[in-house]
Protein backbone atom coordinates (compact mmCIF):
# COMPACT_ATOMS: atom_id res chain seq x y z
CA UNK A 1 0.10 -0.04 -0.04
CA UNK A 2 1.23 3.53 -0.52
CA UNK A 3 -0.34 6.98 -0.23
CA UNK A 4 -2.42 8.47 -2.85
CA UNK A 5 -0.75 10.85 -5.33
CA UNK A 6 -3.69 13.19 -4.96
CA UNK A 7 -2.53 14.60 -1.54
CA UNK A 8 -5.69 13.25 0.35
CA UNK A 9 -3.10 11.50 2.86
CA UNK A 10 -4.83 8.32 2.38
CA UNK A 11 -3.67 5.13 0.82
CA UNK A 12 -4.39 4.90 -3.01
CA UNK A 13 -6.50 1.53 -2.84
CA UNK A 14 -8.79 3.25 -0.60
CA UNK A 15 -8.77 6.74 -2.24
CA UNK A 16 -8.48 7.31 -6.32
CA UNK A 17 -8.01 3.64 -7.07
CA UNK A 18 -11.57 2.65 -7.21
CA UNK A 19 -12.64 5.71 -9.22
CA UNK A 20 -9.59 4.97 -11.52
CA UNK A 21 -11.13 1.43 -12.05
CA UNK A 22 -14.63 2.93 -13.23
CA UNK A 23 -16.44 3.58 -9.73
CA UNK A 24 -18.35 6.90 -9.67
CA UNK A 25 -16.75 9.24 -7.68
CA UNK A 26 -19.16 10.68 -4.56
CA UNK A 27 -18.02 14.25 -4.93
CA UNK A 28 -16.63 16.73 -7.28
CA UNK A 29 -13.29 17.06 -5.11
CA UNK A 30 -13.08 13.34 -5.04
CA UNK A 31 -13.52 13.05 -9.14
CA UNK A 32 -11.04 15.96 -9.46
CA UNK A 33 -8.16 14.45 -7.26
CA UNK A 34 -8.80 11.06 -9.08
CA UNK A 35 -8.23 12.98 -12.40
CA UNK A 36 -4.99 14.26 -10.96
CA UNK A 37 -4.08 10.52 -9.80
CA UNK A 38 -4.96 9.63 -13.57
CA UNK A 39 -2.79 12.16 -15.00
CA UNK A 40 0.23 11.05 -12.46
CA UNK A 41 -0.27 7.53 -13.71
CA UNK A 42 -0.98 8.11 -17.22
CA UNK A 43 -4.35 6.70 -17.23
CA UNK A 44 -6.15 8.92 -19.68
CA UNK A 45 -9.12 6.52 -20.24
CA UNK A 46 -10.33 8.13 -16.97
CA UNK A 47 -9.58 11.59 -17.92
CA UNK A 48 -12.13 11.00 -21.16
CA UNK A 49 -14.43 8.85 -19.33
CA UNK A 50 -14.94 11.68 -16.69
CA UNK A 51 -15.17 14.56 -19.31
CA UNK A 52 -18.53 16.23 -19.99
CA UNK A 53 -19.43 15.84 -23.46
CA UNK A 54 -18.45 19.62 -24.04
CA UNK A 55 -15.19 19.15 -22.25
CA UNK A 56 -14.68 15.97 -24.16
CA UNK A 57 -14.78 17.44 -27.56
CA UNK A 58 -11.68 19.74 -26.69
CA UNK A 59 -9.90 16.78 -25.08
CA UNK A 60 -6.78 16.32 -27.54
CA UNK A 61 -5.50 12.98 -25.89
CA UNK A 62 -2.45 12.63 -28.38
CA UNK A 63 -1.23 16.07 -27.19
CA UNK A 64 -2.09 14.98 -23.55
CA UNK A 65 0.18 11.84 -24.15
CA UNK A 66 3.24 13.78 -25.44
CA UNK A 67 3.05 16.18 -22.77
CA UNK A 68 3.23 13.49 -20.04
CA UNK A 69 6.51 12.26 -21.47
CA UNK A 70 9.22 13.53 -19.10
CA UNK A 71 6.79 14.93 -16.84
CA UNK A 72 7.28 14.62 -13.03
CA UNK A 73 4.01 15.17 -10.74
CA UNK A 74 5.06 17.14 -7.71
CA UNK A 75 2.02 17.48 -5.82
CA UNK A 76 -1.74 18.56 -5.67
CA UNK A 77 -3.45 21.29 -3.06
CA UNK A 78 -7.08 21.68 -2.90
CA UNK A 79 -7.58 25.55 -2.08
CA UNK A 80 -11.35 25.57 -1.83
CA UNK A 81 -14.35 23.66 -2.76
CA UNK A 82 -17.73 24.79 -3.14
CA UNK A 83 -20.78 22.79 -3.24
CA UNK A 84 -20.17 19.62 -5.36
CA UNK A 85 -21.25 17.22 -2.20
CA UNK A 86 -22.96 13.84 -2.18
CA UNK A 87 -26.36 15.82 -2.66
CA UNK A 88 -25.25 18.32 -4.71
CA UNK A 89 -25.81 18.65 -8.49
CA UNK A 90 -22.91 20.94 -9.44
CA UNK A 91 -19.68 21.95 -7.59
CA UNK A 92 -16.45 23.93 -8.11
CA UNK A 93 -13.12 22.71 -7.04
CA UNK A 94 -10.19 25.38 -6.73
CA UNK A 95 -6.76 23.81 -6.65
CA UNK A 96 -2.72 24.00 -7.57
CA UNK A 97 -0.87 21.24 -8.79
CA UNK A 98 2.99 21.27 -9.31
CA UNK A 99 5.13 19.29 -11.78
CA UNK A 100 8.57 19.41 -13.27
CA UNK A 101 9.03 18.80 -17.23
CA UNK A 102 12.03 19.18 -19.03
CA UNK A 103 14.10 20.21 -16.10
CA UNK A 104 11.88 22.95 -15.02
CA UNK A 105 9.51 23.05 -12.02
CA UNK A 106 5.90 24.63 -12.72
CA UNK A 107 2.76 25.34 -11.00
CA UNK A 108 -0.63 25.52 -12.33
CA UNK A 109 -3.67 27.24 -10.56
CA UNK A 110 -7.28 26.24 -11.66
CA UNK A 111 -10.91 26.65 -10.86
CA UNK A 112 -12.54 23.78 -12.08
CA UNK A 113 -16.77 23.40 -12.87
CA UNK A 114 -18.32 20.03 -12.20
CA UNK A 115 -21.74 18.53 -12.75
CA UNK A 116 -23.59 15.39 -12.07
CA UNK A 117 -25.20 13.68 -14.64
CA UNK A 118 -27.63 10.71 -14.06
CA UNK A 119 -25.66 10.33 -10.42
CA UNK A 120 -22.06 10.71 -12.08
CA UNK A 121 -19.76 13.79 -11.43
CA UNK A 122 -18.37 14.90 -14.98
CA UNK A 123 -15.64 17.75 -15.41
CA UNK A 124 -17.12 20.79 -17.31
CA UNK A 125 -14.24 23.30 -17.36
CA UNK A 126 -11.65 25.14 -15.76
CA UNK A 127 -10.24 28.48 -15.43
CA UNK A 128 -6.68 28.96 -15.20
CA UNK A 129 -5.41 31.42 -12.43
CA UNK A 130 -8.91 32.52 -11.22
CA UNK A 131 -8.99 36.03 -9.70
CA UNK A 132 -10.87 36.55 -6.35
CA UNK A 133 -13.40 39.20 -6.59
CA UNK A 134 -12.32 42.50 -5.16
CA UNK A 135 -12.55 43.31 -1.81
CA UNK A 136 -14.34 46.55 -0.85
CA UNK A 137 -13.37 48.22 2.05
CA UNK A 138 -15.57 50.81 3.55
CA UNK A 139 -13.89 53.80 5.08
CA UNK A 140 -14.78 54.68 8.57
CA UNK A 141 -15.31 58.22 8.99
CA UNK A 142 -13.71 59.77 12.46
CA UNK A 143 -17.56 60.92 13.68
CA UNK A 144 -18.75 57.46 12.89
CA UNK A 145 -19.39 54.99 15.55
CA UNK A 146 -16.45 52.61 16.50
CA UNK A 147 -16.88 49.16 14.56
CA UNK A 148 -16.09 47.37 18.10
CA UNK A 149 -19.41 48.24 19.25
CA UNK A 150 -18.20 50.27 21.97
CA UNK A 151 -20.82 53.16 21.24
CA UNK A 152 -17.75 55.88 21.28
CA UNK A 153 -16.93 57.70 17.99
CA UNK A 154 -14.12 56.03 16.13
CA UNK A 155 -11.69 58.97 16.70
CA UNK A 156 -12.31 58.63 20.35
CA UNK A 157 -11.98 54.87 20.42
CA UNK A 158 -10.10 52.24 17.90
CA UNK A 159 -9.53 54.92 15.27
CA UNK A 160 -7.50 57.14 17.80
CA UNK A 161 -4.04 57.00 16.32
C-alpha cells in the first residue's frame, strides 16, 4: 500500500484507485483528485470517461500523451471547494498542482466546474489562474460609531492614532 498521489493522505487503494477502475466518485472533489491521479499514472481513459461531452470535444489525447513524457508530478493542493457534495448537482474545486517538465518546475492554479449527470460527476471546464472578487473596504469616518461596538466615536476609540 502507498499514499495516494492526490495528496489526500489516504492509501491509494482506498482513495483514487476505485474511481480510476470505473467506480463513480461521490463528490466533485473526489473526481478532481482522481483526475489528478490519472494524469500522474498516465491513465487517460479516466480523463476522457469523466469529461462532460463539451469538455470531451476539446480533449486532445495525443497532445496530453506527448506532454506526459518527461513530466514528474510534484503534488496537488486543494484550495477551496464550493458545493459538489454527495447531494449537490454542481460544484467547483479550486486547486494548485505542481510538476517538473524538461528540467523546469511549474505550478498551475485552476478553478474547475463539475456537474452530476445521472448520478455521475463529470468535469465541465476550468479557469486558469482564477482571480478572487475585489475586496471592498468601507472607510470609517472619524465621527462614525466605532466598529468594535463600544458606542464611542471611532476617533475616541479604536480609530485614535
